[in-house]
Amino acid sequence: MASAPRVLVVGQHFWPEGFRINDICDYFVEQGVQVEVLCGLPNYPKGEFFPGYSLRGPYKQEHGGIQIRRVPEIKRGSNSNLRIFLNYMSFPVMSLLHLPRLLFRRFDRIFIYQLSPVMMAWTGIVLGWLTRTTTVMYVLDLWPENLFSVLHVKTPWLRKFATGVSHWHYRRVDRIVVLSELMRDRLAEVTGKAKDEIEVVPQACEKFYEETVVSAELQESLGGKFTAVFTGNISPAQSFVTIIDAAEQLEAEGLDIRWLIVGDGMSRSDVEDQVRARGLEHVFRFEGHHPATEMPKYFGSASVLVGCLVQSDLLEATIPAKVLSYIAGGRPLVLAMDGDVKKLVEDEAKCGFVGPAGDSAAFAANLRTVYNLSETERRSMGERGRKYHFEHLERNKVLARLTDFIMRG
């Protein structure tokens, strides 16, 4: 009888942090795969170690049949640029200390879940080369484009260096998983890989996003107002100035809209300062970070789900995870994003409107359109999105495609 396949997952973030690699690993286990995860100490997004964790560990855990090995890392702390840089570098450097142990372990595949920074892939790439094990990288943050969308790097030699380092990583893995056709085209050009070595697989959202949850308490606190809900990370890439500009414009027009911001991140205090400076405190409400499992409660009280991104080569080439969750949530979407998102939301799922990234006037116009729809029309729009989710984006269907590509001979 053949032994169960063994997969090493390498990535800085894992349970109890709320990233989708958690659900991917759960799916692997459901399919009979033996999983070991090499990750850091949980401290995202607030920058402080989760309760029960510190530089003393624990460094060895088991969760849901998954073996977890952690490495020391410098926590993000205040989420300043310096602290994020130190956090970014501490994981790849310290994870290399696991190489001697891993050299004596047999793995059928090494799966790298690549968020920022791309350097988190070091140990997976080196181990794959030393042991001749097939490496597969899931590219969620395309570098250096993601770096340049957050930090305005102007110095030519620094940009060249960051580009060279980033492309080195992509060339050193055997296969790549990406989020869109545009991202596949870019990485094929960068790496010289054949198209069959780069697979397009969207981010599967967890099954709990499909639940319809109505919180009477939350709805009562919102006072029956038309509510635009944003969920997720609050960072420079999210272009909150687009949201605030649109809110100011619609408020001046007399539209009674409340903005519910559910999330945290390095830009939260700046965004709150901008809201106060515009005199919009009465229409914005910041909920802070909540577990992903609570998002259906907020979706259930939303009149519309919103999201914006800055203009960026990276962000043209990706479909953010939040968009897939929003579609599953069964509410209309209004987004300001470039690239393949517009085709997905407007042409395929037919569940909302997408304007150009950074265009607050177009974003406001699309919100005005949804605001003026009847409740029945908004419900129908959301239901179209949910129907599309079950037909094309449902968790088990998407993760089966991902697993097949990873384990392909």
Protein backbone atom coordinates (compact mmCIF):
# COMPACT_ATOMS: atom_id res chain seq x y z
CA MET A 1 0.00 0.00 0.00
CA ALA A 2 1.43 3.36 -1.06
CA SER A 3 2.31 5.73 1.76
CA ALA A 4 0.50 9.05 2.07
CA PRO A 5 2.15 11.93 0.23
CA ARG A 6 4.12 14.33 2.40
CA VAL A 7 4.16 18.08 1.82
CA LEU A 8 6.30 20.72 3.53
CA VAL A 9 4.56 24.11 3.56
CA VAL A 10 6.87 27.12 3.91
CA GLY A 11 5.49 30.56 4.71
CA GLN A 12 5.88 33.18 7.39
CA HIS A 13 2.20 33.20 8.40
CA PHE A 14 0.04 30.36 9.67
CA TRP A 15 -2.59 29.56 12.29
CA PRO A 16 -3.61 31.25 14.55
CA GLU A 17 -3.08 34.13 12.12
CA GLY A 18 -6.00 34.36 9.72
CA PHE A 19 -4.49 33.57 6.33
CA ARG A 20 -5.96 31.24 3.72
CA ILE A 21 -3.01 28.89 3.94
CA ASN A 22 -4.76 27.55 7.06
CA ASP A 23 -7.69 26.32 4.98
CA ILE A 24 -5.42 25.02 2.22
CA CYS A 25 -3.56 22.88 4.74
CA ASP A 26 -6.85 21.67 6.20
CA TYR A 27 -7.86 20.58 2.70
CA PHE A 28 -4.56 18.75 2.20
CA VAL A 29 -5.22 16.80 5.41
CA GLU A 30 -8.78 16.04 4.25
CA GLN A 31 -7.25 14.50 1.11
CA GLY A 32 -4.92 12.26 3.11
CA VAL A 33 -1.77 14.37 2.70
CA GLN A 34 0.70 14.52 5.60
CA VAL A 35 1.50 18.19 6.19
CA GLU A 36 4.34 19.91 8.02
CA VAL A 37 4.39 23.72 8.18
CA LEU A 38 7.45 25.89 8.68
CA CYS A 39 6.30 29.34 9.82
CA GLY A 40 6.98 32.21 12.20
CA LEU A 41 5.56 33.30 15.53
CA PRO A 42 2.07 34.78 15.10
CA ASN A 43 1.98 38.58 15.42
CA TYR A 44 0.02 39.80 12.38
CA PRO A 45 -1.69 42.26 11.98
CA LYS A 46 -1.35 44.08 15.31
CA GLY A 47 2.41 43.59 15.61
CA GLU A 48 2.26 41.87 19.00
CA PHE A 49 2.69 38.16 19.64
CA PHE A 50 -0.60 36.33 20.08
CA PRO A 51 -1.49 35.24 23.63
CA GLY A 52 0.54 32.18 24.57
CA TYR A 53 3.41 33.03 22.18
CA SER A 54 6.71 34.80 22.77
CA LEU A 55 10.36 34.51 21.76
CA ARG A 56 10.40 31.50 24.09
CA GLY A 57 7.97 29.75 21.75
CA PRO A 58 6.21 27.39 21.48
CA TYR A 59 8.22 26.33 18.45
CA LYS A 60 6.69 22.89 17.99
CA GLN A 61 2.93 22.35 17.77
CA GLU A 62 0.26 20.14 16.26
CA HIS A 63 -3.02 21.55 14.98
CA GLY A 64 -5.74 19.63 13.16
CA GLY A 65 -3.37 16.87 12.12
CA ILE A 66 -0.78 19.40 10.87
CA GLN A 67 2.74 19.41 12.31
CA ILE A 68 3.90 22.99 12.92
CA ARG A 69 7.50 24.09 13.34
CA ARG A 70 8.01 27.78 14.15
CA VAL A 71 11.09 29.98 13.96
CA PRO A 72 11.97 33.07 16.00
CA GLU A 73 11.11 36.34 14.34
CA ILE A 74 11.12 40.02 15.24
CA LYS A 75 7.51 41.04 15.74
CA ARG A 76 6.09 43.87 13.63
CA GLY A 77 5.60 46.06 16.71
CA SER A 78 4.39 49.52 15.75
CA ASN A 79 4.22 48.51 12.06
CA SER A 80 6.73 51.24 11.20
CA ASN A 81 8.79 50.74 8.06
CA LEU A 82 11.83 49.74 10.16
CA ARG A 83 9.90 47.19 12.22
CA ILE A 84 8.30 45.68 9.13
CA PHE A 85 11.72 45.42 7.47
CA LEU A 86 13.16 43.65 10.52
CA ASN A 87 10.15 41.35 10.64
CA TYR A 88 10.45 40.63 6.93
CA MET A 89 14.13 39.64 7.22
CA SER A 90 14.03 37.74 10.51
CA PHE A 91 11.84 34.89 9.24
CA PRO A 92 13.83 33.93 6.12
CA VAL A 93 17.15 34.17 7.97
CA MET A 94 16.03 32.21 11.02
CA SER A 95 14.14 29.60 8.99
CA LEU A 96 17.43 28.56 7.40
CA LEU A 97 18.39 27.12 10.79
CA HIS A 98 15.87 24.35 10.13
CA LEU A 99 17.74 23.13 7.04
CA PRO A 100 19.90 20.53 8.84
CA ARG A 101 16.79 18.93 10.34
CA LEU A 102 14.77 19.10 7.12
CA LEU A 103 17.53 17.49 5.04
CA PHE A 104 16.76 14.19 6.76
CA ARG A 105 13.00 14.39 6.18
CA ARG A 106 11.36 13.02 3.05
CA PHE A 107 8.87 15.29 1.31
CA ASP A 108 7.11 14.67 -1.97
CA ARG A 109 6.54 18.38 -2.52
CA ILE A 110 7.61 21.70 -1.03
CA PHE A 111 4.76 24.21 -1.20
CA ILE A 112 5.71 27.86 -0.66
CA TYR A 113 2.88 30.22 0.27
CA GLN A 114 4.43 33.52 -0.81
CA LEU A 115 3.08 36.67 0.76
CA SER A 116 5.39 39.57 1.54
CA PRO A 117 8.34 39.41 1.53
CA VAL A 118 9.32 37.12 -1.33
CA MET A 119 12.42 36.18 0.73
CA MET A 120 10.21 34.00 2.97
CA ALA A 121 10.74 31.36 0.28
CA TRP A 122 14.50 30.97 0.93
CA THR A 123 14.42 27.78 2.97
CA GLY A 124 11.93 26.09 0.67
CA ILE A 125 14.00 26.92 -2.41
CA VAL A 126 17.31 25.82 -0.87
CA LEU A 127 15.83 22.61 0.53
CA GLY A 128 14.25 21.77 -2.81
CA TRP A 129 17.60 22.24 -4.56
CA LEU A 130 19.55 20.19 -2.02
CA THR A 131 17.09 17.30 -1.94
CA ARG A 132 15.83 17.55 -5.55
CA THR A 133 12.26 17.91 -4.33
CA THR A 134 9.73 19.64 -6.57
CA THR A 135 8.97 23.16 -5.32
CA VAL A 136 5.68 24.93 -6.00
CA MET A 137 5.19 28.59 -5.11
CA TYR A 138 1.76 30.20 -4.69
CA VAL A 139 2.36 33.88 -5.49
CA LEU A 140 -0.07 36.07 -3.54
CA ASP A 141 2.11 39.20 -3.45
CA LEU A 142 4.01 39.77 -6.68
CA TRP A 143 7.43 41.27 -5.96
CA PRO A 144 8.92 43.81 -6.40
CA GLU A 145 5.63 45.40 -7.52
CA ASN A 146 4.05 44.82 -4.12
CA LEU A 147 7.03 46.40 -2.38
CA PHE A 148 6.91 49.45 -4.66
CA SER A 149 3.17 49.88 -4.09
CA VAL A 150 3.77 50.27 -0.32
CA LEU A 151 7.20 51.96 -0.23
CA HIS A 152 7.98 54.67 -2.77
CA VAL A 153 11.45 53.48 -3.72
CA LYS A 154 12.93 56.09 -6.06
CA THR A 155 16.64 55.23 -6.08
CA PRO A 156 17.37 53.41 -9.38
CA TRP A 157 19.94 51.00 -7.97
CA LEU A 158 17.64 50.03 -5.08
CA ARG A 159 14.79 49.34 -7.50
CA LYS A 160 17.12 47.29 -9.68
CA PHE A 161 18.38 45.34 -6.66
CA ALA A 162 14.85 44.60 -5.39
CA THR A 163 13.80 43.51 -8.87
CA GLY A 164 16.78 41.19 -9.23
CA VAL A 165 16.25 39.59 -5.82
CA SER A 166 12.54 39.07 -6.48
CA HIS A 167 13.00 37.55 -9.91
CA TRP A 168 15.73 35.22 -8.58
CA HIS A 169 13.15 33.57 -6.30
CA TYR A 170 10.60 33.05 -9.05
CA ARG A 171 13.18 31.52 -11.37
CA ARG A 172 14.37 29.06 -8.71
CA VAL A 173 11.08 27.25 -8.09
CA ASP A 174 9.81 24.47 -10.34
CA ARG A 175 6.19 25.54 -10.63
CA ILE A 176 4.20 28.65 -9.85
CA VAL A 177 0.55 29.26 -8.96
CA VAL A 178 -0.82 32.73 -9.69
CA LEU A 179 -4.11 34.59 -9.28
CA SER A 180 -4.80 35.83 -12.81
CA GLU A 181 -3.90 35.41 -16.46
CA LEU A 182 -2.12 38.75 -16.41
CA MET A 183 0.06 37.61 -13.51
CA ARG A 184 0.82 34.39 -15.37
CA ASP A 185 1.94 36.36 -18.44
CA ARG A 186 4.24 38.52 -16.33
CA LEU A 187 5.86 35.64 -14.49
CA ALA A 188 6.27 33.65 -17.70
CA GLU A 189 8.22 36.61 -19.07
CA VAL A 190 10.29 37.00 -15.89
CA THR A 191 11.12 33.30 -15.44
CA GLY A 192 11.07 31.90 -18.95
CA LYS A 193 8.83 29.09 -17.71
CA ALA A 194 6.38 27.40 -20.03
CA LYS A 195 2.73 28.25 -19.52
CA ASP A 196 1.98 24.72 -18.24
CA GLU A 197 4.41 25.34 -15.35
CA ILE A 198 2.37 28.36 -14.21
CA GLU A 199 -1.23 27.67 -13.16
CA VAL A 200 -3.97 30.23 -12.52
CA VAL A 201 -5.90 29.37 -9.35
CA PRO A 202 -7.96 32.02 -7.50
CA GLN A 203 -7.86 32.20 -3.73
CA ALA A 204 -10.57 29.93 -2.37
CA CYS A 205 -12.54 31.48 0.44
CA GLU A 206 -13.44 29.38 3.44
CA LYS A 207 -16.86 27.72 3.61
CA PHE A 208 -18.02 29.95 6.45
CA TYR A 209 -18.20 32.90 4.03
CA GLU A 210 -21.17 31.17 2.40
CA GLU A 211 -23.23 31.41 5.58
CA THR A 212 -26.01 33.95 5.88
CA VAL A 213 -25.72 35.53 9.33
CA VAL A 214 -28.05 38.27 10.55
CA SER A 215 -27.04 40.03 13.76
CA ALA A 216 -30.01 41.92 15.17
CA GLU A 217 -27.68 43.71 17.58
CA LEU A 218 -25.38 44.92 14.79
CA GLN A 219 -28.27 45.96 12.58
CA GLU A 220 -29.85 47.89 15.43
CA SER A 221 -26.58 49.71 16.11
CA LEU A 222 -26.47 50.77 12.45
CA GLY A 223 -29.92 52.31 12.74
CA GLY A 224 -31.27 50.93 9.49
CA LYS A 225 -28.93 53.14 7.44
CA PHE A 226 -27.51 52.24 4.04
CA THR A 227 -24.19 50.72 5.10
CA ALA A 228 -21.02 50.32 3.04
CA VAL A 229 -18.81 47.65 4.63
CA PHE A 230 -15.06 47.30 4.14
CA THR A 231 -13.24 44.31 5.62
CA GLY A 232 -9.57 43.43 5.74
CA ASN A 233 -6.12 44.95 6.02
CA ILE A 234 -5.79 48.73 6.27
CA SER A 235 -2.54 49.49 4.46
CA PRO A 236 -1.20 52.00 1.90
CA ALA A 237 -2.18 49.60 -0.89
CA GLN A 238 -5.87 49.92 -0.01
CA SER A 239 -6.21 53.57 -1.20
CA PHE A 240 -8.46 54.71 1.59
CA VAL A 241 -8.24 58.23 0.19
CA THR A 242 -10.55 57.00 -2.57
CA ILE A 243 -13.10 55.87 0.00
CA ILE A 244 -12.83 59.07 2.04
CA ASP A 245 -13.10 61.33 -1.02
CA ALA A 246 -16.20 59.45 -2.18
CA ALA A 247 -17.72 59.57 1.31
CA GLU A 248 -17.21 63.32 1.46
CA GLN A 249 -18.77 63.81 -1.98
CA LEU A 250 -21.81 61.64 -1.25
CA GLU A 251 -22.29 63.25 2.15
CA ALA A 252 -22.34 66.67 0.47
CA GLU A 253 -25.04 65.38 -1.91
CA GLY A 254 -27.20 64.40 1.06
CA LEU A 255 -26.92 60.61 0.67
CA ASP A 256 -27.35 58.96 4.06
CA ILE A 257 -24.53 56.39 3.97
CA ARG A 258 -22.66 54.82 6.88
CA TRP A 259 -19.18 53.37 6.42
CA LEU A 260 -18.28 50.35 8.55
CA ILE A 261 -14.55 49.55 8.51
CA VAL A 262 -13.74 46.09 9.86
CA GLY A 263 -10.02 45.49 10.08
CA ASP A 264 -6.67 46.80 11.20
CA GLY A 265 -3.23 47.49 9.80
CA MET A 266 -0.32 49.88 9.51
CA SER A 267 -2.43 52.72 8.03
CA ARG A 268 -5.39 52.62 10.40
CA SER A 269 -4.38 55.59 12.56
CA ASP A 270 -3.63 57.68 9.46
CA VAL A 271 -7.03 56.81 7.96
CA GLU A 272 -8.81 57.73 11.19
CA ASP A 273 -6.92 61.05 11.24
CA GLN A 274 -8.05 61.77 7.67
CA VAL A 275 -11.66 61.00 8.56
CA ARG A 276 -11.52 63.41 11.50
CA ALA A 277 -9.81 66.08 9.39
CA ARG A 278 -12.68 65.91 6.87
CA GLY A 279 -15.33 66.07 9.60
CA LEU A 280 -16.69 62.64 8.68
CA GLU A 281 -16.52 60.95 12.09
CA HIS A 282 -20.32 60.71 12.21
CA VAL A 283 -20.50 58.50 9.09
CA PHE A 284 -17.45 56.28 9.70
CA ARG A 285 -17.20 53.52 12.27
CA PHE A 286 -13.99 51.56 12.85
CA GLU A 287 -14.57 48.10 14.31
CA GLY A 288 -10.93 47.02 14.51
CA HIS A 289 -9.66 43.51 13.85
CA HIS A 290 -12.11 40.60 14.12
CA PRO A 291 -11.64 36.92 13.26
CA ALA A 292 -12.48 35.98 9.71
CA THR A 293 -15.24 33.72 11.03
CA GLU A 294 -17.14 36.85 12.11
CA MET A 295 -17.18 38.41 8.63
CA PRO A 296 -20.54 36.86 7.60
CA LYS A 297 -22.12 38.84 10.43
CA TYR A 298 -20.85 42.08 8.89
CA PHE A 299 -21.74 40.98 5.37
CA GLY A 300 -25.26 40.25 6.59
CA SER A 301 -25.67 43.86 7.73
CA ALA A 302 -24.10 45.40 4.60
CA SER A 303 -26.03 47.21 1.90
CA VAL A 304 -22.89 47.06 -0.25
CA LEU A 305 -19.37 45.66 0.16
CA VAL A 306 -16.56 48.00 -0.87
CA GLY A 307 -12.84 47.92 -1.59
CA CYS A 308 -10.21 50.08 -3.28
CA LEU A 309 -6.61 49.63 -4.37
CA VAL A 310 -3.91 52.06 -5.44
CA GLN A 311 -2.78 52.13 -9.04
CA SER A 312 0.02 49.59 -9.39
CA ASP A 313 1.43 47.10 -11.88
CA LEU A 314 0.97 44.41 -9.22
CA LEU A 315 -2.60 45.26 -8.45
CA GLU A 316 -3.63 45.16 -12.09
CA ALA A 317 -2.46 41.57 -12.16
CA THR A 318 -4.21 40.22 -9.09
CA ILE A 319 -7.67 39.50 -7.75
CA PRO A 320 -7.61 40.23 -4.01
CA ALA A 321 -8.85 37.60 -1.60
CA LYS A 322 -11.48 39.96 -0.22
CA VAL A 323 -13.21 40.11 -3.61
CA LEU A 324 -13.76 36.34 -3.60
CA SER A 325 -15.10 36.51 -0.04
CA TYR A 326 -17.40 39.38 -0.96
CA ILE A 327 -18.84 37.44 -3.91
CA ALA A 328 -19.53 34.44 -1.66
CA GLY A 329 -21.17 36.77 0.88
CA GLY A 330 -24.13 37.49 -1.37
CA ARG A 331 -24.09 41.31 -1.30
CA PRO A 332 -23.53 43.87 -4.10
CA LEU A 333 -19.93 44.97 -4.64
CA VAL A 334 -18.56 48.42 -5.46
CA LEU A 335 -14.81 48.44 -6.07
CA ALA A 336 -12.11 50.77 -7.39
CA MET A 337 -9.54 48.37 -8.83
CA ASP A 338 -7.78 47.82 -12.14
CA GLY A 339 -7.22 44.66 -14.12
CA ASP A 340 -9.16 41.38 -14.17
CA VAL A 341 -11.42 42.29 -11.22
CA LYS A 342 -13.78 44.28 -13.47
CA LYS A 343 -14.31 41.32 -15.81
CA LEU A 344 -14.98 38.99 -12.90
CA VAL A 345 -17.46 41.21 -11.02
CA GLU A 346 -19.28 42.97 -13.86
CA ASP A 347 -19.15 40.53 -16.79
CA GLU A 348 -19.00 37.09 -15.17
CA ALA A 349 -20.59 37.24 -11.72
CA LYS A 350 -22.72 40.32 -12.53
CA CYS A 351 -22.80 41.27 -8.88
CA GLY A 352 -21.59 44.85 -8.74
CA PHE A 353 -19.59 47.67 -10.26
CA VAL A 354 -15.85 48.24 -10.66
CA GLY A 355 -14.22 51.57 -11.51
CA PRO A 356 -10.58 52.48 -12.06
CA ALA A 357 -8.18 52.35 -9.12
CA GLY A 358 -7.86 55.73 -7.45
CA ASP A 359 -10.89 57.25 -9.21
CA SER A 360 -13.02 58.51 -6.35
CA ALA A 361 -15.57 60.13 -8.69
CA ALA A 362 -16.26 56.82 -10.45
CA PHE A 363 -16.34 55.03 -7.10
CA ALA A 364 -18.89 57.55 -5.77
CA ALA A 365 -20.98 57.25 -8.94
CA ASN A 366 -21.14 53.46 -8.63
CA LEU A 367 -22.09 53.72 -4.97
CA ARG A 368 -24.80 56.20 -5.89
CA THR A 369 -26.17 53.70 -8.40
CA VAL A 370 -26.39 50.93 -5.79
CA TYR A 371 -27.81 53.36 -3.21
CA ASN A 372 -30.67 54.20 -5.59
CA LEU A 373 -31.56 50.57 -6.26
CA SER A 374 -34.46 48.98 -4.44
CA GLU A 375 -33.73 46.42 -1.73
CA THR A 376 -35.06 43.73 -4.08
CA GLU A 377 -32.65 44.80 -6.83
CA ARG A 378 -29.70 44.82 -4.42
CA ARG A 379 -30.67 41.39 -3.13
CA SER A 380 -30.84 40.01 -6.69
CA MET A 381 -27.42 41.43 -7.49
CA GLY A 382 -25.91 39.77 -4.42
CA GLU A 383 -27.61 36.47 -5.17
CA ARG A 384 -26.11 36.44 -8.67
CA GLY A 385 -22.68 36.71 -7.10
CA ARG A 386 -23.33 33.88 -4.68
CA LYS A 387 -24.64 31.67 -7.51
CA TYR A 388 -21.45 32.36 -9.48
CA HIS A 389 -19.40 31.48 -6.41
CA PHE A 390 -20.95 28.04 -6.08
CA GLU A 391 -20.55 27.34 -9.79
CA HIS A 392 -16.95 28.52 -10.21
CA LEU A 393 -15.23 29.54 -6.97
CA GLU A 394 -16.44 27.12 -4.31
CA ARG A 395 -13.71 26.07 -1.90
CA ASN A 396 -13.50 22.34 -2.67
CA LYS A 397 -13.51 22.88 -6.44
CA VAL A 398 -10.73 25.46 -6.32
CA LEU A 399 -8.54 23.61 -3.83
CA ALA A 400 -8.88 20.38 -5.81
CA ARG A 401 -7.39 22.21 -8.80
CA LEU A 402 -4.60 23.59 -6.64
CA THR A 403 -3.79 20.18 -5.14
CA ASP A 404 -3.82 18.46 -8.53
CA PHE A 405 -1.31 20.98 -9.88
CA ILE A 406 0.97 20.69 -6.84
CA MET A 407 1.00 16.89 -6.84
CA ARG A 408 1.13 16.44 -10.61
CA GLY A 409 3.88 14.02 -11.59
